[in-house]
N, C-alpha and C. Protein backbone atom coordinates (compact mmCIF):
# COMPACT_ATOMS: atom_id res chain seq x y z
N MET A 1 0.59 -0.89 -0.16
CA MET A 1 0.82 -0.04 0.37
C MET A 1 0.81 1.26 -0.02
N ALA A 2 0.39 2.37 -0.51
CA ALA A 2 1.74 3.01 -0.96
C ALA A 2 1.56 4.62 0.51
N ASP A 3 2.29 5.19 0.76
CA ASP A 3 1.66 5.62 1.74
C ASP A 3 0.91 6.94 1.56
N GLN A 4 0.36 6.40 2.29
CA GLN A 4 -0.67 8.37 2.01
C GLN A 4 -0.71 9.54 3.37
N THR A 5 0.38 9.89 3.40
CA THR A 5 0.81 10.78 4.45
C THR A 5 1.06 11.44 3.18
N ALA A 6 1.75 11.34 2.33
CA ALA A 6 2.75 12.17 1.60
C ALA A 6 2.26 13.34 1.06
N ASN A 7 1.15 13.83 0.84
CA ASN A 7 0.20 15.04 1.20
C ASN A 7 0.00 15.59 2.37
N THR A 8 0.19 15.54 3.38
CA THR A 8 -0.63 16.19 4.45
C THR A 8 0.90 16.69 4.78
N ASP A 9 0.54 17.53 6.37
CA ASP A 9 1.20 18.49 6.74
C ASP A 9 2.57 17.87 7.29
N PRO A 10 3.20 17.78 7.05
CA PRO A 10 4.88 17.79 7.96
C PRO A 10 4.27 16.84 9.48
N LYS A 11 3.48 17.79 10.04
CA LYS A 11 3.29 17.42 11.32
C LYS A 11 2.83 15.87 12.00
N ILE A 12 1.32 15.99 11.21
CA ILE A 12 0.85 14.89 11.01
C ILE A 12 1.55 13.31 9.71
N THR A 13 2.16 14.04 9.04
CA THR A 13 3.48 12.15 9.07
C THR A 13 4.36 11.92 9.61
N ARG A 14 4.89 13.11 10.04
CA ARG A 14 5.78 13.05 11.23
C ARG A 14 5.25 11.68 12.36
N CYS A 15 3.81 12.00 12.97
CA CYS A 15 3.45 11.69 14.09
C CYS A 15 2.66 10.39 13.73
N VAL A 16 2.39 10.36 12.16
CA VAL A 16 2.32 8.44 11.47
C VAL A 16 3.07 7.77 11.93
N ASN A 17 4.52 8.42 11.48
CA ASN A 17 5.03 7.65 10.71
C ASN A 17 5.34 6.98 12.75
N GLU A 18 5.50 8.19 13.69
CA GLU A 18 6.01 7.73 15.33
C GLU A 18 4.64 6.64 15.55
N LEU A 19 4.21 6.80 15.18
CA LEU A 19 2.51 5.62 15.43
C LEU A 19 3.00 4.43 14.63
N LYS A 20 3.52 5.06 13.76
CA LYS A 20 3.91 2.96 13.08
C LYS A 20 5.22 2.46 13.68
N SER A 21 5.63 3.08 14.24
CA SER A 21 6.92 2.56 14.88
C SER A 21 6.80 1.83 15.90
N LYS A 22 5.26 1.76 16.78
CA LYS A 22 4.61 1.44 18.01
C LYS A 22 4.26 0.76 17.27
N ILE A 23 3.41 1.32 16.82
CA ILE A 23 1.73 0.01 17.00
C ILE A 23 2.52 -1.52 16.31
N PRO A 24 1.52 -2.47 16.18
CA PRO A 24 2.01 -3.21 15.47
C PRO A 24 1.54 -3.20 13.91
N ALA A 25 1.55 -4.25 12.38
CA ALA A 25 2.23 -3.61 11.39
C ALA A 25 1.47 -4.04 10.58
N ALA A 26 -0.13 -4.82 11.02
CA ALA A 26 -1.73 -5.56 11.35
C ALA A 26 -2.20 -4.05 11.16
N ASP A 27 -1.47 -3.09 12.44
CA ASP A 27 -2.98 -1.94 12.66
C ASP A 27 -2.30 -0.48 11.35
N HIS A 28 -1.75 -0.44 10.93
CA HIS A 28 -0.78 0.18 9.71
C HIS A 28 -2.60 0.67 9.44
N ALA A 29 -2.95 -0.28 8.31
CA ALA A 29 -3.85 0.08 7.20
C ALA A 29 -5.15 0.93 8.38
N ALA A 30 -5.69 0.49 9.21
CA ALA A 30 -6.14 0.91 9.85
C ALA A 30 -5.85 3.02 10.48
N LEU A 31 -4.75 3.14 10.90
CA LEU A 31 -4.71 3.82 11.15
C LEU A 31 -4.03 5.04 9.24
N GLU A 32 -4.28 4.45 9.05
CA GLU A 32 -4.26 5.50 7.14
C GLU A 32 -5.09 5.71 6.89
N SER A 33 -6.14 4.41 7.42
CA SER A 33 -7.84 4.79 7.20
C SER A 33 -7.98 5.92 7.83
N ARG A 34 -8.04 5.79 9.30
CA ARG A 34 -8.70 7.22 10.11
C ARG A 34 -7.33 8.16 8.68
N LEU A 35 -6.50 8.72 9.22
CA LEU A 35 -5.33 9.68 9.07
C LEU A 35 -6.98 9.77 7.87
N GLN A 36 -7.16 8.97 6.58
CA GLN A 36 -7.66 9.58 5.73
C GLN A 36 -9.35 10.77 5.78
N ALA A 37 -9.53 10.15 6.62
CA ALA A 37 -10.88 10.18 7.49
C ALA A 37 -11.18 11.44 8.25
N LEU A 38 -10.26 11.77 8.57
CA LEU A 38 -9.80 12.92 9.72
C LEU A 38 -9.17 14.39 8.68
N ILE A 39 -8.39 13.80 7.91
CA ILE A 39 -8.20 14.42 6.29
C ILE A 39 -8.88 15.51 5.68
N ASN A 40 -10.15 14.38 5.53
CA ASN A 40 -11.88 14.96 4.78
C ASN A 40 -12.31 14.99 6.14
N ASP A 41 -12.03 15.58 6.60
CA ASP A 41 -13.47 16.26 7.42
C ASP A 41 -13.19 17.57 8.02
N PRO A 42 -14.19 18.15 7.01
CA PRO A 42 -13.86 19.76 7.14
C PRO A 42 -13.91 19.93 8.30
N GLU A 43 -14.36 19.28 9.53
CA GLU A 43 -14.01 20.30 11.31
C GLU A 43 -13.04 20.12 11.82
N THR A 44 -11.97 19.06 11.65
CA THR A 44 -10.58 18.78 11.71
C THR A 44 -9.27 19.66 11.22
N ASP A 45 -9.11 20.37 12.13
CA ASP A 45 -7.26 20.95 11.13
C ASP A 45 -6.55 19.86 11.60
N GLY A 46 -4.97 20.54 11.57
CA GLY A 46 -3.73 19.70 11.11
C GLY A 46 -3.60 19.30 13.51
N ASP A 47 -3.73 20.15 14.02
CA ASP A 47 -3.12 19.79 15.55
C ASP A 47 -4.45 18.97 15.85
N ASP A 48 -5.97 18.25 15.63
CA ASP A 48 -7.15 17.65 15.32
C ASP A 48 -6.81 16.30 15.67
N VAL A 49 -6.50 16.65 14.33
CA VAL A 49 -5.38 15.07 13.64
C VAL A 49 -4.46 14.45 14.48
N ILE A 50 -3.74 15.01 14.74
CA ILE A 50 -2.89 14.71 15.14
C ILE A 50 -2.90 14.16 17.31
N SER A 51 -4.74 14.30 17.41
CA SER A 51 -4.65 13.97 18.78
C SER A 51 -5.19 12.89 18.88
N ILE A 52 -6.18 12.91 17.59
CA ILE A 52 -7.16 11.96 17.67
C ILE A 52 -6.44 10.82 17.37
N LEU A 53 -4.86 10.81 16.90
CA LEU A 53 -4.32 9.52 16.50
C LEU A 53 -3.77 8.80 17.40
N ARG A 54 -2.98 10.08 18.16
CA ARG A 54 -2.50 9.16 19.43
C ARG A 54 -3.35 9.08 19.99
N THR A 55 -4.34 9.76 20.56
CA THR A 55 -5.72 8.92 21.16
C THR A 55 -5.89 7.47 21.20
N GLU A 56 -5.87 7.08 20.04
CA GLU A 56 -6.44 6.54 18.92
C GLU A 56 -5.92 4.84 19.07
N PHE A 57 -4.65 5.35 18.49
CA PHE A 57 -3.94 4.58 18.62
C PHE A 57 -2.35 4.70 19.23
N ALA A 58 -3.06 4.61 20.27
CA ALA A 58 -1.56 4.84 21.51
C ALA A 58 -0.95 3.27 22.06
N PRO A 59 0.25 3.95 21.80
CA PRO A 59 1.35 2.47 21.54
C PRO A 59 0.71 2.08 23.19
N GLU A 60 0.39 2.69 23.86
CA GLU A 60 0.37 1.78 25.33
C GLU A 60 -1.14 1.07 24.75
N ARG A 61 -1.81 0.90 24.50
CA ARG A 61 -3.01 0.53 23.78
C ARG A 61 -2.42 -1.24 23.61
N TYR A 62 -1.28 -1.33 23.57
CA TYR A 62 -1.15 -2.73 22.84
C TYR A 62 0.17 -3.35 23.49
N SER A 63 0.56 -2.99 24.38
CA SER A 63 1.63 -3.29 25.29
C SER A 63 0.78 -4.41 26.05
N ARG A 64 1.34 -5.42 26.58
CA ARG A 64 0.87 -6.05 27.03
C ARG A 64 1.35 -6.32 29.07
N PRO A 65 0.59 -6.34 29.99
CA PRO A 65 1.46 -6.71 31.09
C PRO A 65 2.09 -7.56 31.81
N GLY A 66 3.40 -7.44 32.15
CA GLY A 66 3.84 -8.15 32.27
C GLY A 66 4.31 -8.72 33.37
């Protein structure tokens, strides 16, 4: 799948790349899909996109108690 963050704000791209480095690869497509939905939402700005993605794809959600 092509990287869909190419035409987005550099801050958003950095956030997405950071999240992808911390979440399972199986969830990357869901992250990209959510990113596109947020970018296409006229009521969200770049800061909203970053905040929502960090909340919904928080790496802590994938941590297993040791």
